[in-house]
Protein backbone atom coordinates (compact mmCIF):
# COMPACT_ATOMS: atom_id res chain seq x y z
CA MET A 1 44.74 -2.59 168.73
CA TYR A 2 42.67 -3.48 165.68
CA THR A 3 39.30 -1.81 165.19
CA LEU A 4 36.69 -3.64 163.16
CA TYR A 5 33.70 -1.77 161.78
CA ALA A 6 30.97 -4.36 161.45
CA THR A 7 27.27 -5.03 161.41
CA ILE A 8 25.54 -7.79 163.34
CA GLY A 9 24.45 -10.82 161.35
CA SER A 10 26.93 -10.36 158.49
CA GLY A 11 28.92 -13.47 157.63
CA ASN A 12 31.70 -11.33 156.18
CA CYS A 13 32.01 -9.35 159.42
CA TYR A 14 31.65 -12.42 161.60
CA LYS A 15 34.44 -14.43 160.03
CA VAL A 16 36.97 -11.64 160.67
CA GLN A 17 35.91 -11.47 164.31
CA LEU A 18 36.08 -15.25 164.62
CA LEU A 19 39.61 -15.40 163.26
CA MET A 20 40.86 -12.68 165.59
CA ARG A 21 39.26 -14.41 168.55
CA GLN A 22 40.81 -17.76 167.64
CA LEU A 23 44.23 -16.16 167.19
CA ASN A 24 43.91 -14.16 170.43
CA ILE A 25 44.37 -10.88 168.57
CA PRO A 26 43.12 -7.93 170.65
CA PHE A 27 40.42 -6.00 168.83
CA ARG A 28 37.43 -3.80 169.37
CA VAL A 29 34.26 -3.70 167.32
CA VAL A 30 32.36 -0.61 166.26
CA MET A 31 28.89 -1.64 165.19
CA ILE A 32 27.48 0.06 162.09
CA ASP A 33 23.77 -0.28 161.30
CA VAL A 34 23.64 -1.02 157.59
CA LEU A 35 19.83 -1.11 157.53
CA LYS A 36 19.73 2.46 158.84
CA GLY A 37 22.15 3.61 156.15
CA GLU A 38 25.02 4.31 158.53
CA THR A 39 27.61 3.03 156.03
CA GLN A 40 26.74 6.00 153.83
CA SER A 41 26.96 8.63 156.55
CA PRO A 42 29.61 11.33 156.13
CA GLU A 43 31.23 10.15 159.35
CA TYR A 44 31.63 6.57 158.15
CA LEU A 45 32.62 7.51 154.60
CA ALA A 46 35.45 9.54 156.11
CA ILE A 47 36.71 6.27 157.59
CA ASN A 48 35.94 4.00 154.63
CA PRO A 49 35.19 5.83 151.37
CA ASN A 50 33.88 2.56 149.89
CA GLY A 51 30.98 2.72 152.33
CA LYS A 52 30.89 -0.97 153.22
CA VAL A 53 31.47 -3.27 156.15
CA PRO A 54 33.52 -4.98 157.35
CA TYR A 55 36.36 -2.51 157.47
CA LEU A 56 39.48 -3.09 159.53
CA VAL A 57 41.69 -0.35 160.93
CA LEU A 58 45.13 -1.69 161.78
CA PRO A 59 47.09 -0.66 164.89
CA ASN A 60 49.22 1.66 162.71
CA GLY A 61 46.09 3.46 161.50
CA GLU A 62 45.95 1.93 158.02
CA GLY A 63 42.57 0.76 156.80
CA LEU A 64 41.83 -2.51 155.04
CA GLY A 65 38.66 -3.48 153.18
CA GLU A 66 37.47 -6.83 151.77
CA SER A 67 36.83 -9.51 154.36
CA ASN A 68 39.03 -12.20 152.86
CA ALA A 69 41.93 -9.77 152.47
CA MET A 70 41.56 -9.18 156.21
CA LEU A 71 41.65 -12.92 156.88
CA LEU A 72 44.82 -13.36 154.85
CA HIS A 73 46.52 -10.43 156.54
CA LEU A 74 45.57 -11.49 160.06
CA ALA A 75 46.42 -15.16 159.55
CA GLU A 76 49.87 -14.46 158.10
CA GLY A 77 52.52 -16.27 160.14
CA SER A 78 49.97 -18.10 162.30
CA HIS A 79 49.03 -21.78 162.53
CA LEU A 80 45.93 -20.98 160.46
CA MET A 81 48.02 -20.19 157.39
CA PRO A 82 49.73 -23.14 155.68
CA GLN A 83 53.45 -22.81 155.16
CA THR A 84 53.82 -24.59 151.83
CA ALA A 85 53.28 -22.69 148.60
CA GLN A 86 50.95 -25.42 147.32
CA GLU A 87 48.62 -25.23 150.31
CA ARG A 88 48.69 -21.42 150.39
CA MET A 89 47.66 -21.49 146.75
CA ARG A 90 44.65 -23.63 147.70
CA VAL A 91 43.74 -21.30 150.55
CA ASN A 92 43.68 -18.39 148.09
CA GLU A 93 41.66 -20.43 145.63
CA TRP A 94 38.95 -21.21 148.18
CA LEU A 95 38.78 -17.64 149.46
CA PHE A 96 38.48 -16.16 145.97
CA TRP A 97 35.89 -18.81 145.09
CA GLU A 98 33.88 -17.97 148.20
CA GLN A 99 33.49 -14.34 147.19
CA SER A 100 32.87 -14.98 143.48
CA SER A 101 30.87 -18.22 143.33
CA HIS A 102 29.35 -18.85 146.76
CA GLU A 103 28.64 -15.81 148.93
CA PRO A 104 26.91 -13.87 146.09
CA TYR A 105 24.10 -16.47 146.17
CA ILE A 106 23.95 -17.60 149.79
CA SER A 107 24.08 -14.13 151.31
CA PRO A 108 21.33 -12.31 149.36
CA ALA A 109 18.93 -15.25 149.61
CA ARG A 110 19.37 -15.23 153.39
CA PHE A 111 19.03 -11.45 153.53
CA TRP A 112 15.69 -11.24 151.73
CA ILE A 113 14.24 -14.36 153.33
CA SER A 114 15.34 -14.01 156.97
CA ILE A 115 16.58 -10.46 157.55
CA MET A 116 14.32 -8.37 155.31
CA PRO A 117 11.40 -10.70 154.57
CA GLU A 118 9.10 -7.76 153.90
CA GLY A 119 10.96 -7.23 150.63
CA ARG A 120 10.90 -10.85 149.56
CA ALA A 121 7.87 -10.67 147.28
CA GLU A 122 9.67 -8.33 144.90
CA ARG A 123 12.72 -10.61 144.81
CA GLU A 124 11.25 -14.04 144.10
CA THR A 125 12.76 -14.31 140.62
CA GLU A 126 16.18 -13.39 141.95
CA ILE A 127 15.77 -15.73 144.90
CA ALA A 128 15.07 -18.61 142.52
CA THR A 129 18.31 -17.82 140.66
CA TRP A 130 20.27 -17.55 143.91
CA HIS A 131 18.88 -20.89 145.05
CA GLU A 132 19.86 -22.58 141.80
CA ARG A 133 23.39 -21.20 141.78
CA GLY A 134 23.89 -21.51 145.52
CA ALA A 135 22.85 -25.16 145.37
CA LYS A 136 25.59 -25.78 142.81
CA SER A 137 28.22 -24.17 145.02
CA LEU A 138 27.03 -26.09 148.07
CA LYS A 139 27.20 -29.33 146.08
CA MET A 140 30.76 -28.53 145.03
CA LEU A 141 31.68 -27.83 148.64
CA ASP A 142 29.96 -31.01 149.80
CA ASP A 143 31.80 -33.12 147.23
CA HIS A 144 35.13 -31.79 148.45
CA LEU A 145 34.30 -32.20 152.13
CA SER A 146 33.06 -35.74 151.61
CA LYS A 147 36.74 -36.63 151.08
CA ASN A 148 38.35 -34.11 153.45
CA ASP A 149 37.71 -33.05 157.04
CA PHE A 150 38.75 -29.48 156.21
CA LEU A 151 39.28 -27.49 153.04
CA VAL A 152 43.08 -27.40 152.71
CA GLY A 153 45.67 -29.93 153.84
CA ASN A 154 42.99 -31.78 155.81
CA ARG A 155 43.44 -29.42 158.76
CA TYR A 156 41.68 -26.31 160.00
CA THR A 157 42.91 -23.16 158.24
CA VAL A 158 41.87 -19.63 157.40
CA ALA A 159 40.09 -21.08 154.35
CA ASP A 160 37.61 -22.86 156.64
CA ILE A 161 36.88 -19.64 158.52
CA GLY A 162 36.33 -17.81 155.23
CA LEU A 163 33.84 -20.37 153.96
CA PHE A 164 32.14 -20.89 157.30
CA GLY A 165 30.91 -17.29 157.57
CA TYR A 166 27.93 -17.65 155.24
CA THR A 167 27.79 -21.41 154.69
CA HIS A 168 26.72 -22.16 158.25
CA VAL A 169 23.68 -19.88 157.93
CA ALA A 170 22.69 -20.98 154.42
CA GLY A 171 19.62 -22.67 155.88
CA GLU A 172 18.32 -19.21 156.79
CA GLY A 173 18.16 -18.59 153.05
CA GLU A 174 16.02 -21.72 152.59
CA PHE A 175 18.81 -23.86 151.22
CA ASP A 176 18.06 -27.49 152.11
CA MET A 177 21.15 -28.35 154.09
CA ALA A 178 20.06 -31.97 154.49
CA LYS A 179 21.22 -32.41 150.90
CA TYR A 180 24.78 -31.59 151.97
CA PRO A 181 25.71 -33.97 154.82
CA ALA A 182 29.46 -33.46 154.41
CA VAL A 183 29.01 -29.70 154.71
CA CYS A 184 26.90 -30.16 157.84
CA ALA A 185 29.55 -32.43 159.38
CA TRP A 186 32.22 -29.84 158.54
CA ILE A 187 30.16 -27.08 160.15
CA ALA A 188 30.05 -29.15 163.35
CA ARG A 189 33.83 -29.61 163.23
CA VAL A 190 34.38 -25.87 162.86
CA GLU A 191 32.02 -25.14 165.74
CA ALA A 192 34.02 -27.53 167.93
CA ARG A 193 37.27 -25.57 167.49
CA ASP A 194 38.81 -23.73 170.43
CA GLY A 195 37.79 -20.10 170.59
CA PHE A 196 34.61 -20.58 168.60
CA LEU A 197 31.83 -18.12 169.28
CA PRO A 198 28.47 -18.13 167.44
CA MET A 199 27.70 -15.28 165.08
CA MET A 200 25.02 -13.58 167.14
CA ASP A 201 27.06 -13.77 170.34
CA PHE A 202 29.58 -11.31 168.94
CA ALA A 203 27.10 -8.49 169.51
CA GLU A 204 27.47 -8.99 173.26
CA ALA A 205 31.22 -9.63 173.03
CA ALA A 206 31.68 -6.38 171.15
């Protein structure tokens, strides 16, 4: 069985759980409290020396970091991974883009506005930058989804799960989602998929 070390409310942790649920992959979740510093405890560092979540321990005991690497590994050979080289290339493109040009702006804005609002005052300059850059990435995503129901091959794939993790909670970072109607329609389509479970419900499922 897979073991996922995760923290509640993390889009990166959630998307790995969502994929395993939708592929009916047996897994257990070990919750790690990031806000209490548990990722830096000697016990956790012995499991993952990088001191981050999510972290996936495979049935053979190997460990795997980086959320989108987990998605690619878990989706391999399933209906969520396209079979053509061209479409697999696009899946990789979206997943790399998500971690380099999207999540770095959506996630911290949400964190300091909705999860740790007591620290917001010291971050206003950074928040303004995150909003500017995050708006550009949301616009790019909206432009693509205005012509496509899903990200790759016009069908639901691992790329949609990867982008969904933080995009669907961007409003919690005070991004005006009304400006991105195609993204909002896509979010609704993802939520309608079999096996979907909302982010916060995974705490109980775990």
